[in-house]
Structures are given as structure tokens and as C-alpha cells.
Amino acid sequence: MGAVVLSSNYLVQFPINHYGLNEILTYGAFSYPVAFLVTDLANRVYGKLIARKIVYIGFIIGISSTLLFSTNFSDLISLRIAIGSGTAFIVAQLLDVQIFDQLRRKKW
């Protein structure tokens, strides 16, 4: 999970320069869905608790790398984007773990 988060955070810097998509799409959009695959596979093989731990570890790695490699700590907009990105990551991943577990157990 940590590798997926780090690669997505790195690849988001590079826009896709094909078909006029450079303003709206980056390569990070293609690596980030792998995070959902990782949590779904962990949920299926190891269960919900381990999948949640993987999400928390990925979140900590993402926040740590953002703080460690950020070049402009005084920029309030960058800080807001980092907080929003981290919040979206943890909410989406924890919801994915919960929903996938319910679907796997056929509790729907």
C-alpha cells in the first residue's frame, strides 16, 4: 500500500499530454486505483482488520512522505491540498474495506 501511495503522489505531477487531457488528468489517476485492489485482496485473504491496518499504514506513509518531501511548507494551498488528499484517501479506503467485507459475506 505504501508503494502505491508513494507512486501515486509522485505520478500526480505528470499530466497526460494526449488528446488534450493535460489540464484534467495525470498519471497518478492510473496508479491510485491499485490501492483499492490491494485493500480488496487483503480483505479477501486476511480479513477486515488486517485490511484496515494496511489502510492506516498507507495513510501514515502518505502523510509522512508529503511532510518529508514537501518543498514549500509555508504555502497554505499546498497544506490544504495535502489535508484534503489524506482525508479523501482514508475515508475512501475505509469505506472500501467495509463495503467489500459486507459484499464478501453477502450481508446486503
Protein backbone atom coordinates (compact mmCIF):
# COMPACT_ATOMS: atom_id res chain seq x y z
CA MET A 1 0.00 0.00 0.00
CA GLY A 2 2.81 2.37 0.85
CA ALA A 3 4.39 1.89 -2.57
CA VAL A 4 1.07 2.62 -4.27
CA VAL A 5 0.59 5.81 -2.25
CA LEU A 6 4.14 6.99 -2.92
CA SER A 7 3.97 6.23 -6.64
CA SER A 8 0.58 7.94 -6.98
CA ASN A 9 1.86 11.00 -5.13
CA TYR A 10 4.83 11.12 -7.49
CA LEU A 11 2.92 10.43 -10.71
CA VAL A 12 0.28 13.07 -10.00
CA GLN A 13 2.87 15.66 -11.05
CA PHE A 14 2.85 14.48 -14.66
CA PRO A 15 -0.13 15.40 -16.85
CA ILE A 16 -1.25 13.18 -19.70
CA ASN A 17 -0.33 15.05 -22.85
CA HIS A 18 -2.51 13.06 -25.23
CA TYR A 19 -5.91 14.01 -26.65
CA GLY A 20 -5.91 17.36 -24.82
CA LEU A 21 -6.17 15.75 -21.38
CA ASN A 22 -3.21 17.60 -19.87
CA GLU A 23 -5.45 20.01 -17.97
CA ILE A 24 -7.66 17.40 -16.32
CA LEU A 25 -5.78 14.08 -16.00
CA THR A 26 -2.45 12.92 -14.58
CA TYR A 27 -0.69 9.57 -14.49
CA GLY A 28 -1.48 9.35 -10.77
CA ALA A 29 -5.09 8.68 -11.71
CA PHE A 30 -3.99 5.35 -13.19
CA SER A 31 -1.86 4.16 -10.27
CA TYR A 32 -4.23 5.16 -7.47
CA PRO A 33 -6.95 2.54 -8.22
CA VAL A 34 -4.37 -0.14 -7.44
CA ALA A 35 -4.79 0.91 -3.78
CA PHE A 36 -8.37 -0.37 -3.89
CA LEU A 37 -7.18 -3.64 -5.41
CA VAL A 38 -4.61 -4.03 -2.60
CA THR A 39 -7.20 -3.48 0.14
CA ASP A 40 -9.76 -5.75 -1.54
CA LEU A 41 -7.24 -8.57 -1.89
CA ALA A 42 -6.05 -8.10 1.70
CA ASN A 43 -9.67 -8.12 2.85
CA ARG A 44 -10.38 -11.33 0.99
CA VAL A 45 -7.23 -13.16 2.11
CA TYR A 46 -6.59 -11.81 5.63
CA GLY A 47 -9.88 -10.23 6.70
CA LYS A 48 -11.22 -6.80 7.50
CA LEU A 49 -8.94 -5.99 10.45
CA ILE A 50 -5.72 -6.56 8.51
CA ALA A 51 -7.09 -4.61 5.54
CA ARG A 52 -7.79 -1.67 7.85
CA LYS A 53 -4.26 -1.86 9.25
CA ILE A 54 -2.93 -1.73 5.69
CA VAL A 55 -5.03 1.38 5.05
CA TYR A 56 -3.71 3.08 8.20
CA ILE A 57 -0.12 2.21 7.29
CA GLY A 58 -0.62 3.59 3.77
CA PHE A 59 -2.14 6.75 5.24
CA ILE A 60 0.82 7.24 7.59
CA ILE A 61 3.29 6.65 4.76
CA GLY A 62 1.43 9.12 2.54
CA ILE A 63 1.31 11.84 5.19
CA SER A 64 4.93 11.24 6.21
CA SER A 65 6.17 11.40 2.64
CA THR A 66 4.18 14.55 1.99
CA LEU A 67 5.68 16.24 5.04
CA LEU A 68 9.16 14.91 4.34
CA PHE A 69 9.37 15.76 0.65
CA SER A 70 7.31 18.95 0.57
CA THR A 71 9.42 21.85 -0.62
CA ASN A 72 7.16 24.70 0.38
CA PHE A 73 5.89 24.39 3.94
CA SER A 74 4.65 27.99 4.06
CA ASP A 75 2.23 27.55 1.17
CA LEU A 76 -1.25 27.29 2.71
CA ILE A 77 -2.80 25.97 -0.50
CA SER A 78 -0.36 23.03 -0.61
CA LEU A 79 -1.17 22.22 3.00
CA ARG A 80 -4.91 22.30 2.30
CA ILE A 81 -4.47 20.03 -0.71
CA ALA A 82 -2.41 17.59 1.36
CA ILE A 83 -5.03 17.52 4.13
CA GLY A 84 -7.83 17.06 1.61
CA SER A 85 -5.95 14.31 -0.21
CA GLY A 86 -5.17 12.45 3.01
CA THR A 87 -8.74 12.75 4.23
CA ALA A 88 -10.14 11.53 0.92
CA PHE A 89 -7.70 8.61 0.91
CA ILE A 90 -8.54 7.35 4.38
CA VAL A 91 -12.31 7.81 4.04
CA ALA A 92 -12.42 6.12 0.62
CA GLN A 93 -10.21 3.23 1.68
CA LEU A 94 -12.05 2.55 4.95
CA LEU A 95 -15.39 2.66 3.13
CA ASP A 96 -14.00 0.27 0.53
CA VAL A 97 -12.87 -2.16 3.23
CA GLN A 98 -16.27 -2.04 4.95
CA ILE A 99 -18.35 -2.38 1.77
CA PHE A 100 -16.15 -5.11 0.31
CA ASP A 101 -16.36 -7.08 3.56
CA GLN A 102 -20.16 -6.85 3.57
CA LEU A 103 -20.34 -7.91 -0.07
CA ARG A 104 -17.91 -10.76 0.57
CA ARG A 105 -20.03 -12.03 3.47
CA LYS A 106 -23.22 -11.42 1.45
CA LYS A 107 -24.71 -9.12 4.09
CA TRP A 108 -26.62 -6.94 1.64
